[in-house]
PDB file of N, CA and C in Angstrom:
ATOM      1  N   UNK A   1      13.058  18.630 -35.694  1.00  0.00           N
ATOM      2  CA  UNK A   1      11.601  19.014 -35.569  1.00  0.00           C
ATOM      3  C   UNK A   1      10.896  17.700 -36.283  1.00  0.00           C
ATOM      4  N   UNK A   2      11.434  17.231 -37.362  1.00  0.00           N
ATOM      5  CA  UNK A   2      10.713  16.076 -38.075  1.00  0.00           C
ATOM      6  C   UNK A   2      10.534  14.967 -37.071  1.00  0.00           C
ATOM      7  N   UNK A   3      11.479  14.650 -36.196  1.00  0.00           N
ATOM      8  CA  UNK A   3      11.328  13.372 -35.283  1.00  0.00           C
ATOM      9  C   UNK A   3      10.258  13.800 -34.292  1.00  0.00           C
ATOM     10  N   UNK A   4      10.316  14.933 -33.745  1.00  0.00           N
ATOM     11  CA  UNK A   4       9.385  15.514 -32.770  1.00  0.00           C
ATOM     12  C   UNK A   4       7.929  15.488 -33.447  1.00  0.00           C
ATOM     13  N   UNK A   5       7.702  15.943 -34.625  1.00  0.00           N
ATOM     14  CA  UNK A   5       6.498  16.056 -35.200  1.00  0.00           C
ATOM     15  C   UNK A   5       5.961  14.680 -35.447  1.00  0.00           C
ATOM     16  N   UNK A   6       6.659  13.689 -35.772  1.00  0.00           N
ATOM     17  CA  UNK A   6       6.336  12.308 -36.117  1.00  0.00           C
ATOM     18  C   UNK A   6       5.926  11.712 -34.741  1.00  0.00           C
ATOM     19  N   UNK A   7       6.586  11.935 -33.686  1.00  0.00           N
ATOM     20  CA  UNK A   7       6.302  11.414 -32.413  1.00  0.00           C
ATOM     21  C   UNK A   7       4.946  11.982 -31.904  1.00  0.00           C
ATOM     22  N   UNK A   8       4.691  13.253 -32.091  1.00  0.00           N
ATOM     23  CA  UNK A   8       3.458  13.851 -31.691  1.00  0.00           C
ATOM     24  C   UNK A   8       2.284  13.332 -32.452  1.00  0.00           C
ATOM     25  N   UNK A   9       2.447  13.064 -33.703  1.00  0.00           N
ATOM     26  CA  UNK A   9       1.456  12.546 -34.570  1.00  0.00           C
ATOM     27  C   UNK A   9       1.116  11.090 -34.312  1.00  0.00           C
ATOM     28  N   UNK A  10       2.082  10.336 -33.826  1.00  0.00           N
ATOM     29  CA  UNK A  10       1.832   8.916 -33.523  1.00  0.00           C
ATOM     30  C   UNK A  10       1.683   8.520 -32.112  1.00  0.00           C
ATOM     31  N   UNK A  11       1.898   9.491 -31.242  1.00  0.00           N
ATOM     32  CA  UNK A  11       1.905   9.231 -29.770  1.00  0.00           C
ATOM     33  C   UNK A  11       0.557   9.489 -29.287  1.00  0.00           C
ATOM     34  N   UNK A  12      -0.086   8.521 -28.665  1.00  0.00           N
ATOM     35  CA  UNK A  12      -1.318   8.661 -28.149  1.00  0.00           C
ATOM     36  C   UNK A  12      -1.153   8.932 -26.658  1.00  0.00           C
ATOM     37  N   UNK A  13      -1.619  10.010 -26.261  1.00  0.00           N
ATOM     38  CA  UNK A  13      -1.629  10.491 -24.885  1.00  0.00           C
ATOM     39  C   UNK A  13      -2.532   9.499 -24.059  1.00  0.00           C
ATOM     40  N   UNK A  14      -1.910   9.296 -22.811  1.00  0.00           N
ATOM     41  CA  UNK A  14      -2.583   8.477 -21.819  1.00  0.00           C
ATOM     42  C   UNK A  14      -3.188   9.493 -20.632  1.00  0.00           C
ATOM     43  N   UNK A  15      -4.361   9.159 -20.145  1.00  0.00           N
ATOM     44  CA  UNK A  15      -4.870  10.035 -19.305  1.00  0.00           C
ATOM     45  C   UNK A  15      -5.026   9.290 -17.930  1.00  0.00           C
ATOM     46  N   UNK A  16      -4.863   9.984 -16.900  1.00  0.00           N
ATOM     47  CA  UNK A  16      -5.029   9.463 -15.500  1.00  0.00           C
ATOM     48  C   UNK A  16      -5.793  10.493 -14.826  1.00  0.00           C
ATOM     49  N   UNK A  17      -6.895  10.244 -14.233  1.00  0.00           N
ATOM     50  CA  UNK A  17      -7.764  11.129 -13.678  1.00  0.00           C
ATOM     51  C   UNK A  17      -7.847  10.722 -12.132  1.00  0.00           C
ATOM     52  N   UNK A  18      -7.224  11.728 -11.276  1.00  0.00           N
ATOM     53  CA  UNK A  18      -7.121  11.398  -9.918  1.00  0.00           C
ATOM     54  C   UNK A  18      -7.932  12.259  -8.962  1.00  0.00           C
ATOM     55  N   UNK A  19      -8.801  11.559  -8.121  1.00  0.00           N
ATOM     56  CA  UNK A  19      -9.695  12.390  -7.129  1.00  0.00           C
ATOM     57  C   UNK A  19      -8.915  12.426  -5.785  1.00  0.00           C
ATOM     58  N   UNK A  20      -9.095  13.392  -5.109  1.00  0.00           N
ATOM     59  CA  UNK A  20      -8.530  13.642  -3.806  1.00  0.00           C
ATOM     60  C   UNK A  20      -9.445  14.352  -2.989  1.00  0.00           C
ATOM     61  N   UNK A  21      -9.350  14.115  -1.593  1.00  0.00           N
ATOM     62  CA  UNK A  21     -10.242  14.799  -0.653  1.00  0.00           C
ATOM     63  C   UNK A  21      -9.960  16.281  -0.522  1.00  0.00           C
ATOM     64  N   UNK A  22     -10.999  16.986  -0.584  1.00  0.00           N
ATOM     65  CA  UNK A  22     -10.943  18.400  -0.706  1.00  0.00           C
ATOM     66  C   UNK A  22     -10.283  19.071   0.463  1.00  0.00           C
ATOM     67  N   UNK A  23     -10.117  18.371   1.535  1.00  0.00           N
ATOM     68  CA  UNK A  23      -9.415  19.065   2.694  1.00  0.00           C
ATOM     69  C   UNK A  23      -8.121  18.523   2.820  1.00  0.00           C
ATOM     70  N   UNK A  24      -7.602  17.841   1.960  1.00  0.00           N
ATOM     71  CA  UNK A  24      -6.162  17.434   1.899  1.00  0.00           C
ATOM     72  C   UNK A  24      -5.207  18.582   1.756  1.00  0.00           C
ATOM     73  N   UNK A  25      -4.163  18.657   2.594  1.00  0.00           N
ATOM     74  CA  UNK A  25      -3.274  19.855   2.609  1.00  0.00           C
ATOM     75  C   UNK A  25      -1.767  19.542   2.468  1.00  0.00           C
ATOM     76  N   UNK A  26      -1.575  18.235   2.282  1.00  0.00           N
ATOM     77  CA  UNK A  26      -0.221  17.858   2.222  1.00  0.00           C
ATOM     78  C   UNK A  26       0.580  18.117   0.855  1.00  0.00           C
ATOM     79  N   UNK A  27       1.891  17.892   0.783  1.00  0.00           N
ATOM     80  CA  UNK A  27       2.465  18.193  -0.354  1.00  0.00           C
ATOM     81  C   UNK A  27       2.895  16.770  -1.031  1.00  0.00           C
ATOM     82  N   UNK A  28       2.722  15.765  -0.554  1.00  0.00           N
ATOM     83  CA  UNK A  28       3.008  14.366  -1.063  1.00  0.00           C
ATOM     84  C   UNK A  28       2.469  14.236  -2.368  1.00  0.00           C
ATOM     85  N   UNK A  29       1.206  14.404  -2.529  1.00  0.00           N
ATOM     86  CA  UNK A  29       0.481  14.190  -3.717  1.00  0.00           C
ATOM     87  C   UNK A  29       0.917  15.113  -4.972  1.00  0.00           C
ATOM     88  N   UNK A  30       1.182  16.379  -4.583  1.00  0.00           N
ATOM     89  CA  UNK A  30       1.718  17.352  -5.597  1.00  0.00           C
ATOM     90  C   UNK A  30       2.974  16.940  -6.003  1.00  0.00           C
ATOM     91  N   UNK A  31       3.859  16.379  -5.207  1.00  0.00           N
ATOM     92  CA  UNK A  31       5.261  16.125  -5.485  1.00  0.00           C
ATOM     93  C   UNK A  31       5.230  14.909  -6.442  1.00  0.00           C
ATOM     94  N   UNK A  32       4.283  13.824  -6.035  1.00  0.00           N
ATOM     95  CA  UNK A  32       4.175  12.761  -6.933  1.00  0.00           C
ATOM     96  C   UNK A  32       3.646  12.944  -8.183  1.00  0.00           C
ATOM     97  N   UNK A  33       2.717  13.900  -8.539  1.00  0.00           N
ATOM     98  CA  UNK A  33       2.149  14.221  -9.714  1.00  0.00           C
ATOM     99  C   UNK A  33       3.339  14.938 -10.596  1.00  0.00           C
ATOM    100  N   UNK A  34       4.104  15.811  -9.886  1.00  0.00           N
ATOM    101  CA  UNK A  34       5.177  16.390 -10.704  1.00  0.00           C
ATOM    102  C   UNK A  34       6.187  15.514 -11.169  1.00  0.00           C
ATOM    103  N   UNK A  35       6.500  14.472 -10.317  1.00  0.00           N
ATOM    104  CA  UNK A  35       7.498  13.551 -10.642  1.00  0.00           C
ATOM    105  C   UNK A  35       6.875  12.559 -11.730  1.00  0.00           C
ATOM    106  N   UNK A  36       5.776  12.284 -11.668  1.00  0.00           N
ATOM    107  CA  UNK A  36       5.106  11.375 -12.851  1.00  0.00           C
ATOM    108  C   UNK A  36       5.073  12.099 -14.081  1.00  0.00           C
ATOM    109  N   UNK A  37       4.592  13.444 -14.091  1.00  0.00           N
ATOM    110  CA  UNK A  37       4.517  14.223 -15.210  1.00  0.00           C
ATOM    111  C   UNK A  37       6.018  14.350 -16.064  1.00  0.00           C
ATOM    112  N   UNK A  38       6.950  14.520 -15.259  1.00  0.00           N
ATOM    113  CA  UNK A  38       8.355  14.565 -15.833  1.00  0.00           C
ATOM    114  C   UNK A  38       8.865  13.209 -16.304  1.00  0.00           C
ATOM    115  N   UNK A  39       8.310  12.148 -15.694  1.00  0.00           N
ATOM    116  CA  UNK A  39       8.917  10.806 -16.032  1.00  0.00           C
ATOM    117  C   UNK A  39       8.167  10.142 -17.299  1.00  0.00           C
ATOM    118  N   UNK A  40       6.732  10.460 -17.303  1.00  0.00           N
ATOM    119  CA  UNK A  40       5.962   9.907 -18.357  1.00  0.00           C
ATOM    120  C   UNK A  40       5.314  11.146 -19.068  1.00  0.00           C
ATOM    121  N   UNK A  41       6.120  11.434 -20.123  1.00  0.00           N
ATOM    122  CA  UNK A  41       5.744  12.808 -21.048  1.00  0.00           C
ATOM    123  C   UNK A  41       4.359  12.670 -21.562  1.00  0.00           C
ATOM    124  N   UNK A  42       3.970  11.571 -22.075  1.00  0.00           N
ATOM    125  CA  UNK A  42       2.690  11.382 -22.620  1.00  0.00           C
ATOM    126  C   UNK A  42       1.497  11.156 -21.698  1.00  0.00           C
ATOM    127  N   UNK A  43       1.679  11.367 -20.350  1.00  0.00           N
ATOM    128  CA  UNK A  43       0.687  11.232 -19.446  1.00  0.00           C
ATOM    129  C   UNK A  43       0.005  12.461 -19.177  1.00  0.00           C
ATOM    130  N   UNK A  44      -1.337  12.451 -19.312  1.00  0.00           N
ATOM    131  CA  UNK A  44      -2.064  13.658 -19.176  1.00  0.00           C
ATOM    132  C   UNK A  44      -2.777  13.400 -17.724  1.00  0.00           C
ATOM    133  N   UNK A  45      -2.466  14.161 -16.649  1.00  0.00           N
ATOM    134  CA  UNK A  45      -2.815  14.007 -15.342  1.00  0.00           C
ATOM    135  C   UNK A  45      -3.837  15.091 -15.049  1.00  0.00           C
ATOM    136  N   UNK A  46      -5.051  14.622 -14.567  1.00  0.00           N
ATOM    137  CA  UNK A  46      -6.156  15.516 -14.305  1.00  0.00           C
ATOM    138  C   UNK A  46      -6.584  15.328 -12.824  1.00  0.00           C
ATOM    139  N   UNK A  47      -6.624  16.372 -11.984  1.00  0.00           N
ATOM    140  CA  UNK A  47      -6.952  16.389 -10.513  1.00  0.00           C
ATOM    141  C   UNK A  47      -8.329  16.776 -10.271  1.00  0.00           C
ATOM    142  N   UNK A  48      -9.096  16.175  -9.416  1.00  0.00           N
ATOM    143  CA  UNK A  48     -10.407  16.497  -9.043  1.00  0.00           C
ATOM    144  C   UNK A  48     -10.567  16.484  -7.593  1.00  0.00           C
ATOM    145  N   UNK A  49     -10.989  17.391  -6.834  1.00  0.00           N
ATOM    146  CA  UNK A  49     -11.176  17.381  -5.487  1.00  0.00           C
ATOM    147  C   UNK A  49     -12.616  17.295  -5.047  1.00  0.00           C
ATOM    148  N   UNK A  50     -13.024  16.719  -3.935  1.00  0.00           N
ATOM    149  CA  UNK A  50     -14.394  16.511  -3.542  1.00  0.00           C
ATOM    150  C   UNK A  50     -14.422  16.095  -2.181  1.00  0.00           C
ATOM    151  N   UNK A  51     -15.648  15.953  -1.631  1.00  0.00           N
ATOM    152  CA  UNK A  51     -15.943  15.344  -0.349  1.00  0.00           C
ATOM    153  C   UNK A  51     -15.901  13.781  -0.562  1.00  0.00           C
ATOM    154  N   UNK A  52     -16.034  13.058   0.684  1.00  0.00           N
ATOM    155  CA  UNK A  52     -16.041  11.686   0.500  1.00  0.00           C
ATOM    156  C   UNK A  52     -17.109  11.162  -0.469  1.00  0.00           C
ATOM    157  N   UNK A  53     -18.291  11.744  -0.255  1.00  0.00           N
ATOM    158  CA  UNK A  53     -19.426  11.275  -1.196  1.00  0.00           C
ATOM    159  C   UNK A  53     -19.152  11.597  -2.712  1.00  0.00           C
ATOM    160  N   UNK A  54     -18.598  12.685  -2.769  1.00  0.00           N
ATOM    161  CA  UNK A  54     -18.481  13.239  -4.285  1.00  0.00           C
ATOM    162  C   UNK A  54     -17.368  12.353  -4.876  1.00  0.00           C
ATOM    163  N   UNK A  55     -16.315  12.153  -4.195  1.00  0.00           N
ATOM    164  CA  UNK A  55     -15.243  11.179  -4.732  1.00  0.00           C
ATOM    165  C   UNK A  55     -15.763   9.700  -5.060  1.00  0.00           C
ATOM    166  N   UNK A  56     -16.590   9.190  -4.211  1.00  0.00           N
ATOM    167  CA  UNK A  56     -17.257   7.812  -4.476  1.00  0.00           C
ATOM    168  C   UNK A  56     -18.081   7.885  -5.736  1.00  0.00           C
ATOM    169  N   UNK A  57     -18.758   9.007  -5.819  1.00  0.00           N
ATOM    170  CA  UNK A  57     -19.650   9.254  -6.955  1.00  0.00           C
ATOM    171  C   UNK A  57     -18.871   9.398  -8.258  1.00  0.00           C
ATOM    172  N   UNK A  58     -17.717  10.003  -8.196  1.00  0.00           N
ATOM    173  CA  UNK A  58     -16.938  10.042  -9.382  1.00  0.00           C
ATOM    174  C   UNK A  58     -16.354   8.830  -9.776  1.00  0.00           C
ATOM    175  N   UNK A  59     -16.035   8.019  -8.800  1.00  0.00           N
ATOM    176  CA  UNK A  59     -15.655   6.619  -9.024  1.00  0.00           C
ATOM    177  C   UNK A  59     -16.657   5.784  -9.668  1.00  0.00           C
ATOM    178  N   UNK A  60     -17.929   5.829  -9.019  1.00  0.00           N
ATOM    179  CA  UNK A  60     -19.038   5.056  -9.570  1.00  0.00           C
ATOM    180  C   UNK A  60     -19.403   5.448 -11.043  1.00  0.00           C
ATOM    181  N   UNK A  61     -19.329   6.772 -11.342  1.00  0.00           N
ATOM    182  CA  UNK A  61     -19.508   7.310 -12.641  1.00  0.00           C
ATOM    183  C   UNK A  61     -18.443   7.233 -13.537  1.00  0.00           C
ATOM    184  N   UNK A  62     -17.187   6.765 -13.139  1.00  0.00           N
ATOM    185  CA  UNK A  62     -16.142   6.678 -13.993  1.00  0.00           C
ATOM    186  C   UNK A  62     -15.433   7.841 -14.362  1.00  0.00           C
ATOM    187  N   UNK A  63     -15.655   8.986 -13.703  1.00  0.00           N
ATOM    188  CA  UNK A  63     -15.224  10.357 -13.901  1.00  0.00           C
ATOM    189  C   UNK A  63     -13.774  10.422 -13.434  1.00  0.00           C
ATOM    190  N   UNK A  64     -13.368   9.651 -12.551  1.00  0.00           N
ATOM    191  CA  UNK A  64     -11.914   9.478 -12.147  1.00  0.00           C
ATOM    192  C   UNK A  64     -11.456   7.998 -12.142  1.00  0.00           C
ATOM    193  N   UNK A  65     -10.149   7.777 -12.192  1.00  0.00           N
ATOM    194  CA  UNK A  65      -9.661   6.361 -12.283  1.00  0.00           C
ATOM    195  C   UNK A  65      -9.339   6.033 -10.890  1.00  0.00           C
ATOM    196  N   UNK A  66      -8.801   6.837 -10.126  1.00  0.00           N
ATOM    197  CA  UNK A  66      -8.333   6.495  -8.622  1.00  0.00           C
ATOM    198  C   UNK A  66      -8.570   7.677  -7.754  1.00  0.00           C
ATOM    199  N   UNK A  67      -8.933   7.192  -6.443  1.00  0.00           N
ATOM    200  CA  UNK A  67      -9.267   8.379  -5.442  1.00  0.00           C
ATOM    201  C   UNK A  67      -8.222   8.129  -4.244  1.00  0.00           C
ATOM    202  N   UNK A  68      -7.887   9.224  -3.820  1.00  0.00           N
ATOM    203  CA  UNK A  68      -7.010   9.205  -2.432  1.00  0.00           C
ATOM    204  C   UNK A  68      -7.923   9.768  -1.511  1.00  0.00           C
ATOM    205  N   UNK A  69      -8.192   9.153  -0.382  1.00  0.00           N
ATOM    206  CA  UNK A  69      -9.224   9.344   0.585  1.00  0.00           C
ATOM    207  C   UNK A  69      -8.772   8.901   1.967  1.00  0.00           C
ATOM    208  N   UNK A  70      -9.268   9.541   2.947  1.00  0.00           N
ATOM    209  CA  UNK A  70      -9.040   8.839   4.228  1.00  0.00           C
ATOM    210  C   UNK A  70     -10.150   7.932   4.622  1.00  0.00           C
ATOM    211  N   UNK A  71      -9.990   7.035   5.577  1.00  0.00           N
ATOM    212  CA  UNK A  71     -10.953   6.108   5.918  1.00  0.00           C
ATOM    213  C   UNK A  71     -11.793   6.626   7.086  1.00  0.00           C
ATOM    214  N   UNK A  72     -13.009   7.073   6.815  1.00  0.00           N
ATOM    215  CA  UNK A  72     -13.804   7.639   7.825  1.00  0.00           C
ATOM    216  C   UNK A  72     -15.140   6.780   8.198  1.00  0.00           C
ATOM    217  N   UNK A  73     -15.121   5.722   7.484  1.00  0.00           N
ATOM    218  CA  UNK A  73     -16.379   4.825   7.482  1.00  0.00           C
ATOM    219  C   UNK A  73     -15.935   3.591   6.992  1.00  0.00           C
ATOM    220  N   UNK A  74     -16.741   2.468   7.061  1.00  0.00           N
ATOM    221  CA  UNK A  74     -16.396   1.156   6.701  1.00  0.00           C
ATOM    222  C   UNK A  74     -16.158   1.233   5.277  1.00  0.00           C
ATOM    223  N   UNK A  75     -15.109   0.503   4.747  1.00  0.00           N
ATOM    224  CA  UNK A  75     -14.943   0.563   3.339  1.00  0.00           C
ATOM    225  C   UNK A  75     -16.007  -0.182   2.556  1.00  0.00           C
ATOM    226  N   UNK A  76     -16.135   0.246   1.385  1.00  0.00           N
ATOM    227  CA  UNK A  76     -17.160  -0.271   0.575  1.00  0.00           C
ATOM    228  C   UNK A  76     -16.675  -1.592  -0.312  1.00  0.00           C
ATOM    229  N   UNK A  77     -17.447  -2.598  -0.343  1.00  0.00           N
ATOM    230  CA  UNK A  77     -17.033  -3.771  -1.128  1.00  0.00           C
ATOM    231  C   UNK A  77     -17.092  -3.493  -2.760  1.00  0.00           C
ATOM    232  N   UNK A  78     -17.745  -2.338  -3.030  1.00  0.00           N
ATOM    233  CA  UNK A  78     -17.794  -1.857  -4.412  1.00  0.00           C
ATOM    234  C   UNK A  78     -16.463  -1.440  -4.941  1.00  0.00           C
ATOM    235  N   UNK A  79     -15.346  -1.182  -4.136  1.00  0.00           N
ATOM    236  CA  UNK A  79     -14.189  -0.577  -4.544  1.00  0.00           C
ATOM    237  C   UNK A  79     -13.010  -1.437  -4.010  1.00  0.00           C
ATOM    238  N   UNK A  80     -11.999  -1.400  -4.704  1.00  0.00           N
ATOM    239  CA  UNK A  80     -10.696  -1.879  -4.135  1.00  0.00           C
ATOM    240  C   UNK A  80     -10.012  -0.901  -3.306  1.00  0.00           C
ATOM    241  N   UNK A  81      -9.631  -1.148  -2.145  1.00  0.00           N
ATOM    242  CA  UNK A  81      -9.021  -0.198  -1.252  1.00  0.00           C
ATOM    243  C   UNK A  81      -7.603  -0.759  -0.828  1.00  0.00           C
ATOM    244  N   UNK A  82      -6.654   0.234  -0.684  1.00  0.00           N
ATOM    245  CA  UNK A  82      -5.282  -0.193  -0.304  1.00  0.00           C
ATOM    246  C   UNK A  82      -4.859   0.990   0.765  1.00  0.00           C
ATOM    247  N   UNK A  83      -4.303   0.495   1.928  1.00  0.00           N
ATOM    248  CA  UNK A  83      -3.782   1.450   2.820  1.00  0.00           C
ATOM    249  C   UNK A  83      -2.437   1.872   2.309  1.00  0.00           C
ATOM    250  N   UNK A  84      -2.261   3.189   2.221  1.00  0.00           N
ATOM    251  CA  UNK A  84      -0.918   3.640   1.750  1.00  0.00           C
ATOM    252  C   UNK A  84      -0.243   4.485   2.855  1.00  0.00           C
ATOM    253  N   UNK A  85      -0.933   4.912   3.884  1.00  0.00           N
ATOM    254  CA  UNK A  85      -0.158   5.586   4.906  1.00  0.00           C
ATOM    255  C   UNK A  85      -1.033   5.598   6.191  1.00  0.00           C
ATOM    256  N   UNK A  86      -0.325   5.704   7.265  1.00  0.00           N
ATOM    257  CA  UNK A  86      -1.126   5.567   8.581  1.00  0.00           C
ATOM    258  C   UNK A  86      -0.590   6.733   9.331  1.00  0.00           C
ATOM    259  N   UNK A  87      -1.378   7.479  10.062  1.00  0.00           N
ATOM    260  CA  UNK A  87      -0.939   8.534  11.032  1.00  0.00           C
ATOM    261  C   UNK A  87      -1.729   8.424  12.331  1.00  0.00           C
ATOM    262  N   UNK A  88      -0.991   9.067  13.265  1.00  0.00           N
ATOM    263  CA  UNK A  88      -1.474   9.107  14.581  1.00  0.00           C
ATOM    264  C   UNK A  88      -1.764  10.578  14.952  1.00  0.00           C
ATOM    265  N   UNK A  89      -2.780  10.814  15.648  1.00  0.00           N
ATOM    266  CA  UNK A  89      -3.233  12.217  16.034  1.00  0.00           C
ATOM    267  C   UNK A  89      -2.952  12.269  17.561  1.00  0.00           C
ATOM    268  N   UNK A  90      -2.364  13.374  17.850  1.00  0.00           N
ATOM    269  CA  UNK A  90      -2.144  13.620  19.226  1.00  0.00           C
ATOM    270  C   UNK A  90      -2.864  15.038  19.652  1.00  0.00           C
ATOM    271  N   UNK A  91      -3.463  14.949  20.789  1.00  0.00           N
ATOM    272  CA  UNK A  91      -4.179  16.284  21.117  1.00  0.00           C
ATOM    273  C   UNK A  91      -3.580  16.716  22.604  1.00  0.00           C
TER     274      UNK A  91
END
């Protein structure tokens, strides 16, 4: 108990605020968050959903650290963007 109490008293928690598109329905993000929470015990992960406009507003206001979004318009030069997945839609 002494070791754990000392660790808690000196261990600063690190926060990661993640924004994601409110219509996202996959499980990849949830699995990644669970994996990260298990691996990084001092990481406080907070999730926020919103529309495209709301997510970019959260980034601009620094309410989130990173946003996972689809590309539905030309990417803004105000943000750094990285392609992490590509999908093909068939009708």
